[in-house]
Amino acid sequence: METDIAIMDMNQLEFAVFCIENIAIRLGVNAGRVYRASEDSHILHGYIVPEYDVLHTQSKDYIVDDILMVMKERGVEI
């Protein structure tokens, strides 16, 4: 499992919000629900933030699909 990494700057924070909002839109759920699930499962600070440098260069659909795949692999239910 990845090490939890803190959000270090405004770009990472904006990216994290972007990810959470777009996953919520894709799933048709409240963004707060996605945030709580990503925090509880350590996906936010254990995957999204550490992989920021690679993920933020990809398309929105790729990012959402990738994070949803990680969530599924880890058994995260939203």
PDB file of N, CA and C in Angstrom:
ATOM      1  N   MET A   1       0.832  -1.172   0.000  1.00  0.00           N
ATOM      2  CA  MET A   1       0.000   0.000   0.000  1.00  0.00           C
ATOM      3  C   MET A   1       0.881   1.242   0.000  1.00  0.00           C
ATOM      4  N   GLU A   2       0.447   2.285  -0.736  1.00  0.00           N
ATOM      5  CA  GLU A   2       1.203   3.516  -0.820  1.00  0.00           C
ATOM      6  C   GLU A   2       1.248   4.215   0.535  1.00  0.00           C
ATOM      7  N   THR A   3       2.272   5.026   0.714  1.00  0.00           N
ATOM      8  CA  THR A   3       2.386   5.844   1.906  1.00  0.00           C
ATOM      9  C   THR A   3       1.497   7.068   1.741  1.00  0.00           C
ATOM     10  N   ASP A   4       0.773   7.439   2.801  1.00  0.00           N
ATOM     11  CA  ASP A   4      -0.059   8.627   2.734  1.00  0.00           C
ATOM     12  C   ASP A   4       0.823   9.860   2.625  1.00  0.00           C
ATOM     13  N   ILE A   5       0.501  10.714   1.667  1.00  0.00           N
ATOM     14  CA  ILE A   5       1.268  11.930   1.433  1.00  0.00           C
ATOM     15  C   ILE A   5       0.324  13.126   1.542  1.00  0.00           C
ATOM     16  N   ALA A   6       0.765  14.146   2.240  1.00  0.00           N
ATOM     17  CA  ALA A   6      -0.035  15.355   2.417  1.00  0.00           C
ATOM     18  C   ALA A   6      -0.056  16.176   1.135  1.00  0.00           C
ATOM     19  N   ILE A   7      -1.135  16.900   0.934  1.00  0.00           N
ATOM     20  CA  ILE A   7      -1.236  17.834  -0.179  1.00  0.00           C
ATOM     21  C   ILE A   7      -0.254  18.968   0.090  1.00  0.00           C
ATOM     22  N   MET A   8       0.623  19.224  -0.868  1.00  0.00           N
ATOM     23  CA  MET A   8       1.722  20.159  -0.659  1.00  0.00           C
ATOM     24  C   MET A   8       1.493  21.555  -1.241  1.00  0.00           C
ATOM     25  N   ASP A   9       0.628  21.693  -2.241  1.00  0.00           N
ATOM     26  CA  ASP A   9       0.438  23.010  -2.845  1.00  0.00           C
ATOM     27  C   ASP A   9      -0.962  23.141  -3.430  1.00  0.00           C
ATOM     28  N   MET A  10      -1.268  24.333  -3.894  1.00  0.00           N
ATOM     29  CA  MET A  10      -2.600  24.627  -4.422  1.00  0.00           C
ATOM     30  C   MET A  10      -2.924  23.780  -5.649  1.00  0.00           C
ATOM     31  N   ASN A  11      -1.939  23.468  -6.483  1.00  0.00           N
ATOM     32  CA  ASN A  11      -2.184  22.642  -7.670  1.00  0.00           C
ATOM     33  C   ASN A  11      -2.669  21.248  -7.279  1.00  0.00           C
ATOM     34  N   GLN A  12      -2.031  20.656  -6.280  1.00  0.00           N
ATOM     35  CA  GLN A  12      -2.454  19.332  -5.822  1.00  0.00           C
ATOM     36  C   GLN A  12      -3.837  19.393  -5.194  1.00  0.00           C
ATOM     37  N   LEU A  13      -4.113  20.445  -4.444  1.00  0.00           N
ATOM     38  CA  LEU A  13      -5.432  20.600  -3.829  1.00  0.00           C
ATOM     39  C   LEU A  13      -6.509  20.728  -4.901  1.00  0.00           C
ATOM     40  N   GLU A  14      -6.270  21.581  -5.887  1.00  0.00           N
ATOM     41  CA  GLU A  14      -7.236  21.742  -6.975  1.00  0.00           C
ATOM     42  C   GLU A  14      -7.436  20.434  -7.735  1.00  0.00           C
ATOM     43  N   PHE A  15      -6.367  19.695  -7.930  1.00  0.00           N
ATOM     44  CA  PHE A  15      -6.471  18.417  -8.626  1.00  0.00           C
ATOM     45  C   PHE A  15      -7.281  17.417  -7.823  1.00  0.00           C
ATOM     46  N   ALA A  16      -7.056  17.371  -6.519  1.00  0.00           N
ATOM     47  CA  ALA A  16      -7.816  16.457  -5.660  1.00  0.00           C
ATOM     48  C   ALA A  16      -9.307  16.780  -5.718  1.00  0.00           C
ATOM     49  N   VAL A  17      -9.638  18.064  -5.674  1.00  0.00           N
ATOM     50  CA  VAL A  17     -11.041  18.490  -5.764  1.00  0.00           C
ATOM     51  C   VAL A  17     -11.610  18.110  -7.125  1.00  0.00           C
ATOM     52  N   PHE A  18     -10.830  18.344  -8.186  1.00  0.00           N
ATOM     53  CA  PHE A  18     -11.234  17.974  -9.537  1.00  0.00           C
ATOM     54  C   PHE A  18     -11.573  16.478  -9.613  1.00  0.00           C
ATOM     55  N   CYS A  19     -10.701  15.655  -9.051  1.00  0.00           N
ATOM     56  CA  CYS A  19     -10.915  14.205  -9.080  1.00  0.00           C
ATOM     57  C   CYS A  19     -12.192  13.823  -8.337  1.00  0.00           C
ATOM     58  N   ILE A  20     -12.343  14.331  -7.137  1.00  0.00           N
ATOM     59  CA  ILE A  20     -13.512  13.999  -6.319  1.00  0.00           C
ATOM     60  C   ILE A  20     -14.799  14.448  -6.998  1.00  0.00           C
ATOM     61  N   GLU A  21     -14.809  15.672  -7.510  1.00  0.00           N
ATOM     62  CA  GLU A  21     -16.015  16.185  -8.172  1.00  0.00           C
ATOM     63  C   GLU A  21     -16.370  15.370  -9.402  1.00  0.00           C
ATOM     64  N   ASN A  22     -15.378  15.011 -10.208  1.00  0.00           N
ATOM     65  CA  ASN A  22     -15.662  14.282 -11.436  1.00  0.00           C
ATOM     66  C   ASN A  22     -16.032  12.831 -11.194  1.00  0.00           C
ATOM     67  N   ILE A  23     -15.501  12.223 -10.160  1.00  0.00           N
ATOM     68  CA  ILE A  23     -15.944  10.876  -9.789  1.00  0.00           C
ATOM     69  C   ILE A  23     -17.392  10.936  -9.321  1.00  0.00           C
ATOM     70  N   ALA A  24     -17.718  11.949  -8.530  1.00  0.00           N
ATOM     71  CA  ALA A  24     -19.101  12.117  -8.054  1.00  0.00           C
ATOM     72  C   ALA A  24     -20.061  12.302  -9.223  1.00  0.00           C
ATOM     73  N   ILE A  25     -19.673  13.117 -10.183  1.00  0.00           N
ATOM     74  CA  ILE A  25     -20.519  13.323 -11.368  1.00  0.00           C
ATOM     75  C   ILE A  25     -20.708  12.013 -12.116  1.00  0.00           C
ATOM     76  N   ARG A  26     -19.612  11.287 -12.339  1.00  0.00           N
ATOM     77  CA  ARG A  26     -19.686  10.014 -13.077  1.00  0.00           C
ATOM     78  C   ARG A  26     -20.613   9.030 -12.375  1.00  0.00           C
ATOM     79  N   LEU A  27     -20.535   8.978 -11.031  1.00  0.00           N
ATOM     80  CA  LEU A  27     -21.331   8.016 -10.270  1.00  0.00           C
ATOM     81  C   LEU A  27     -22.717   8.543  -9.911  1.00  0.00           C
ATOM     82  N   GLY A  28     -22.943   9.833 -10.113  1.00  0.00           N
ATOM     83  CA  GLY A  28     -24.236  10.423  -9.777  1.00  0.00           C
ATOM     84  C   GLY A  28     -24.484  10.485  -8.280  1.00  0.00           C
ATOM     85  N   VAL A  29     -23.417  10.756  -7.518  1.00  0.00           N
ATOM     86  CA  VAL A  29     -23.530  10.844  -6.062  1.00  0.00           C
ATOM     87  C   VAL A  29     -22.973  12.179  -5.588  1.00  0.00           C
ATOM     88  N   ASN A  30     -23.195  12.468  -4.316  1.00  0.00           N
ATOM     89  CA  ASN A  30     -22.698  13.675  -3.690  1.00  0.00           C
ATOM     90  C   ASN A  30     -21.174  13.617  -3.565  1.00  0.00           C
ATOM     91  N   ALA A  31     -20.507  14.746  -3.844  1.00  0.00           N
ATOM     92  CA  ALA A  31     -19.047  14.798  -3.765  1.00  0.00           C
ATOM     93  C   ALA A  31     -18.543  14.517  -2.349  1.00  0.00           C
ATOM     94  N   GLY A  32     -19.311  14.893  -1.345  1.00  0.00           N
ATOM     95  CA  GLY A  32     -18.916  14.613   0.033  1.00  0.00           C
ATOM     96  C   GLY A  32     -18.806  13.120   0.297  1.00  0.00           C
ATOM     97  N   ARG A  33     -19.678  12.376  -0.322  1.00  0.00           N
ATOM     98  CA  ARG A  33     -19.641  10.914  -0.179  1.00  0.00           C
ATOM     99  C   ARG A  33     -18.368  10.338  -0.800  1.00  0.00           C
ATOM    100  N   VAL A  34     -18.001  10.852  -1.962  1.00  0.00           N
ATOM    101  CA  VAL A  34     -16.774  10.404  -2.627  1.00  0.00           C
ATOM    102  C   VAL A  34     -15.559  10.802  -1.793  1.00  0.00           C
ATOM    103  N   TYR A  35     -15.566  12.018  -1.262  1.00  0.00           N
ATOM    104  CA  TYR A  35     -14.449  12.481  -0.431  1.00  0.00           C
ATOM    105  C   TYR A  35     -14.262  11.575   0.782  1.00  0.00           C
ATOM    106  N   ARG A  36     -15.362  11.297   1.491  1.00  0.00           N
ATOM    107  CA  ARG A  36     -15.266  10.447   2.682  1.00  0.00           C
ATOM    108  C   ARG A  36     -14.729   9.057   2.326  1.00  0.00           C
ATOM    109  N   ALA A  37     -15.216   8.492   1.228  1.00  0.00           N
ATOM    110  CA  ALA A  37     -14.751   7.161   0.811  1.00  0.00           C
ATOM    111  C   ALA A  37     -13.274   7.197   0.434  1.00  0.00           C
ATOM    112  N   SER A  38     -12.844   8.263  -0.230  1.00  0.00           N
ATOM    113  CA  SER A  38     -11.441   8.349  -0.636  1.00  0.00           C
ATOM    114  C   SER A  38     -10.524   8.601   0.559  1.00  0.00           C
ATOM    115  N   GLU A  39     -11.014   9.294   1.558  1.00  0.00           N
ATOM    116  CA  GLU A  39     -10.245   9.506   2.797  1.00  0.00           C
ATOM    117  C   GLU A  39     -10.181   8.207   3.604  1.00  0.00           C
ATOM    118  N   ASP A  40     -11.333   7.576   3.812  1.00  0.00           N
ATOM    119  CA  ASP A  40     -11.400   6.355   4.618  1.00  0.00           C
ATOM    120  C   ASP A  40     -10.552   5.223   4.028  1.00  0.00           C
ATOM    121  N   SER A  41     -10.467   5.176   2.712  1.00  0.00           N
ATOM    122  CA  SER A  41      -9.727   4.104   2.045  1.00  0.00           C
ATOM    123  C   SER A  41      -8.277   4.489   1.736  1.00  0.00           C
ATOM    124  N   HIS A  42      -7.889   5.682   2.107  1.00  0.00           N
ATOM    125  CA  HIS A  42      -6.542   6.211   1.863  1.00  0.00           C
ATOM    126  C   HIS A  42      -6.235   6.380   0.383  1.00  0.00           C
ATOM    127  N   ILE A  43      -7.272   6.481  -0.438  1.00  0.00           N
ATOM    128  CA  ILE A  43      -7.038   6.689  -1.867  1.00  0.00           C
ATOM    129  C   ILE A  43      -6.637   8.133  -2.140  1.00  0.00           C
ATOM    130  N   LEU A  44      -7.179   9.069  -1.392  1.00  0.00           N
ATOM    131  CA  LEU A  44      -6.828  10.471  -1.620  1.00  0.00           C
ATOM    132  C   LEU A  44      -5.348  10.718  -1.343  1.00  0.00           C
ATOM    133  N   HIS A  45      -4.893  10.413  -0.142  1.00  0.00           N
ATOM    134  CA  HIS A  45      -3.505  10.700   0.236  1.00  0.00           C
ATOM    135  C   HIS A  45      -2.552   9.547  -0.043  1.00  0.00           C
ATOM    136  N   GLY A  46      -3.098   8.389  -0.398  1.00  0.00           N
ATOM    137  CA  GLY A  46      -2.260   7.228  -0.676  1.00  0.00           C
ATOM    138  C   GLY A  46      -2.158   6.899  -2.152  1.00  0.00           C
ATOM    139  N   TYR A  47      -3.000   7.556  -2.999  1.00  0.00           N
ATOM    140  CA  TYR A  47      -2.929   7.295  -4.436  1.00  0.00           C
ATOM    141  C   TYR A  47      -3.028   8.582  -5.257  1.00  0.00           C
ATOM    142  N   ILE A  48      -4.098   9.346  -5.065  1.00  0.00           N
ATOM    143  CA  ILE A  48      -4.318  10.535  -5.897  1.00  0.00           C
ATOM    144  C   ILE A  48      -3.184  11.546  -5.718  1.00  0.00           C
ATOM    145  N   VAL A  49      -2.861  11.891  -4.487  1.00  0.00           N
ATOM    146  CA  VAL A  49      -1.803  12.885  -4.239  1.00  0.00           C
ATOM    147  C   VAL A  49      -0.425  12.364  -4.662  1.00  0.00           C
ATOM    148  N   PRO A  50      -0.036  11.151  -4.267  1.00  0.00           N
ATOM    149  CA  PRO A  50       1.289  10.673  -4.685  1.00  0.00           C
ATOM    150  C   PRO A  50       1.441  10.527  -6.205  1.00  0.00           C
ATOM    151  N   GLU A  51       0.350  10.242  -6.896  1.00  0.00           N
ATOM    152  CA  GLU A  51       0.399  10.045  -8.349  1.00  0.00           C
ATOM    153  C   GLU A  51       0.041  11.314  -9.123  1.00  0.00           C
ATOM    154  N   TYR A  52      -0.031  12.445  -8.433  1.00  0.00           N
ATOM    155  CA  TYR A  52      -0.406  13.715  -9.056  1.00  0.00           C
ATOM    156  C   TYR A  52       0.428  14.014 -10.300  1.00  0.00           C
ATOM    157  N   ASP A  53       1.748  13.876 -10.205  1.00  0.00           N
ATOM    158  CA  ASP A  53       2.615  14.245 -11.326  1.00  0.00           C
ATOM    159  C   ASP A  53       2.259  13.512 -12.611  1.00  0.00           C
ATOM    160  N   VAL A  54       1.854  12.262 -12.503  1.00  0.00           N
ATOM    161  CA  VAL A  54       1.474  11.490 -13.685  1.00  0.00           C
ATOM    162  C   VAL A  54       0.004  11.728 -14.040  1.00  0.00           C
ATOM    163  N   LEU A  55      -0.863  11.615 -13.063  1.00  0.00           N
ATOM    164  CA  LEU A  55      -2.302  11.696 -13.330  1.00  0.00           C
ATOM    165  C   LEU A  55      -2.732  13.039 -13.918  1.00  0.00           C
ATOM    166  N   HIS A  56      -2.194  14.141 -13.427  1.00  0.00           N
ATOM    167  CA  HIS A  56      -2.698  15.437 -13.874  1.00  0.00           C
ATOM    168  C   HIS A  56      -2.383  15.733 -15.338  1.00  0.00           C
ATOM    169  N   THR A  57      -1.552  14.909 -15.965  1.00  0.00           N
ATOM    170  CA  THR A  57      -1.243  15.102 -17.386  1.00  0.00           C
ATOM    171  C   THR A  57      -2.200  14.328 -18.296  1.00  0.00           C
ATOM    172  N   GLN A  58      -3.106  13.565 -17.701  1.00  0.00           N
ATOM    173  CA  GLN A  58      -4.013  12.713 -18.463  1.00  0.00           C
ATOM    174  C   GLN A  58      -5.374  13.395 -18.678  1.00  0.00           C
ATOM    175  N   SER A  59      -6.202  12.795 -19.496  1.00  0.00           N
ATOM    176  CA  SER A  59      -7.540  13.334 -19.749  1.00  0.00           C
ATOM    177  C   SER A  59      -8.443  13.086 -18.545  1.00  0.00           C
ATOM    178  N   LYS A  60      -9.506  13.862 -18.470  1.00  0.00           N
ATOM    179  CA  LYS A  60     -10.465  13.709 -17.376  1.00  0.00           C
ATOM    180  C   LYS A  60     -11.002  12.288 -17.325  1.00  0.00           C
ATOM    181  N   ASP A  61     -11.403  11.746 -18.465  1.00  0.00           N
ATOM    182  CA  ASP A  61     -11.949  10.390 -18.479  1.00  0.00           C
ATOM    183  C   ASP A  61     -10.928   9.358 -18.014  1.00  0.00           C
ATOM    184  N   TYR A  62      -9.682   9.515 -18.438  1.00  0.00           N
ATOM    185  CA  TYR A  62      -8.637   8.588 -18.005  1.00  0.00           C
ATOM    186  C   TYR A  62      -8.469   8.651 -16.495  1.00  0.00           C
ATOM    187  N   ILE A  63      -8.390   9.865 -15.957  1.00  0.00           N
ATOM    188  CA  ILE A  63      -8.194  10.048 -14.512  1.00  0.00           C
ATOM    189  C   ILE A  63      -9.326   9.402 -13.730  1.00  0.00           C
ATOM    190  N   VAL A  64     -10.564   9.696 -14.119  1.00  0.00           N
ATOM    191  CA  VAL A  64     -11.722   9.140 -13.414  1.00  0.00           C
ATOM    192  C   VAL A  64     -11.732   7.617 -13.529  1.00  0.00           C
ATOM    193  N   ASP A  65     -11.516   7.105 -14.731  1.00  0.00           N
ATOM    194  CA  ASP A  65     -11.492   5.647 -14.925  1.00  0.00           C
ATOM    195  C   ASP A  65     -10.400   4.994 -14.078  1.00  0.00           C
ATOM    196  N   ASP A  66      -9.223   5.609 -14.050  1.00  0.00           N
ATOM    197  CA  ASP A  66      -8.105   5.052 -13.293  1.00  0.00           C
ATOM    198  C   ASP A  66      -8.406   5.012 -11.799  1.00  0.00           C
ATOM    199  N   ILE A  67      -8.916   6.106 -11.266  1.00  0.00           N
ATOM    200  CA  ILE A  67      -9.214   6.147  -9.832  1.00  0.00           C
ATOM    201  C   ILE A  67     -10.344   5.186  -9.487  1.00  0.00           C
ATOM    202  N   LEU A  68     -11.366   5.110 -10.332  1.00  0.00           N
ATOM    203  CA  LEU A  68     -12.454   4.156 -10.086  1.00  0.00           C
ATOM    204  C   LEU A  68     -11.939   2.715 -10.116  1.00  0.00           C
ATOM    205  N   MET A  69     -10.980   2.427 -10.990  1.00  0.00           N
ATOM    206  CA  MET A  69     -10.395   1.090 -11.049  1.00  0.00           C
ATOM    207  C   MET A  69      -9.645   0.786  -9.745  1.00  0.00           C
ATOM    208  N   VAL A  70      -8.887   1.755  -9.244  1.00  0.00           N
ATOM    209  CA  VAL A  70      -8.167   1.575  -7.985  1.00  0.00           C
ATOM    210  C   VAL A  70      -9.155   1.354  -6.848  1.00  0.00           C
ATOM    211  N   MET A  71     -10.225   2.131  -6.842  1.00  0.00           N
ATOM    212  CA  MET A  71     -11.244   1.984  -5.796  1.00  0.00           C
ATOM    213  C   MET A  71     -11.868   0.589  -5.856  1.00  0.00           C
ATOM    214  N   LYS A  72     -12.162   0.130  -7.049  1.00  0.00           N
ATOM    215  CA  LYS A  72     -12.755  -1.201  -7.200  1.00  0.00           C
ATOM    216  C   LYS A  72     -11.791  -2.280  -6.724  1.00  0.00           C
ATOM    217  N   GLU A  73     -10.511  -2.166  -7.117  1.00  0.00           N
ATOM    218  CA  GLU A  73      -9.506  -3.140  -6.697  1.00  0.00           C
ATOM    219  C   GLU A  73      -9.369  -3.213  -5.187  1.00  0.00           C
ATOM    220  N   ARG A  74      -9.591  -2.083  -4.524  1.00  0.00           N
ATOM    221  CA  ARG A  74      -9.460  -2.020  -3.065  1.00  0.00           C
ATOM    222  C   ARG A  74     -10.780  -2.252  -2.351  1.00  0.00           C
ATOM    223  N   GLY A  75     -11.827  -2.535  -3.113  1.00  0.00           N
ATOM    224  CA  GLY A  75     -13.105  -2.841  -2.502  1.00  0.00           C
ATOM    225  C   GLY A  75     -13.840  -1.640  -1.939  1.00  0.00           C
ATOM    226  N   VAL A  76     -13.526  -0.457  -2.451  1.00  0.00           N
ATOM    227  CA  VAL A  76     -14.191   0.756  -1.969  1.00  0.00           C
ATOM    228  C   VAL A  76     -15.547   0.875  -2.619  1.00  0.00           C
ATOM    229  N   GLU A  77     -16.563   1.035  -1.795  1.00  0.00           N
ATOM    230  CA  GLU A  77     -17.919   1.202  -2.306  1.00  0.00           C
ATOM    231  C   GLU A  77     -18.397   2.605  -1.993  1.00  0.00           C
ATOM    232  N   ILE A  78     -19.026   3.198  -2.977  1.00  0.00           N
ATOM    233  CA  ILE A  78     -19.559   4.549  -2.793  1.00  0.00           C
ATOM    234  C   ILE A  78     -21.071   4.495  -2.984  1.00  0.00           C
TER     235      ILE A  78
END
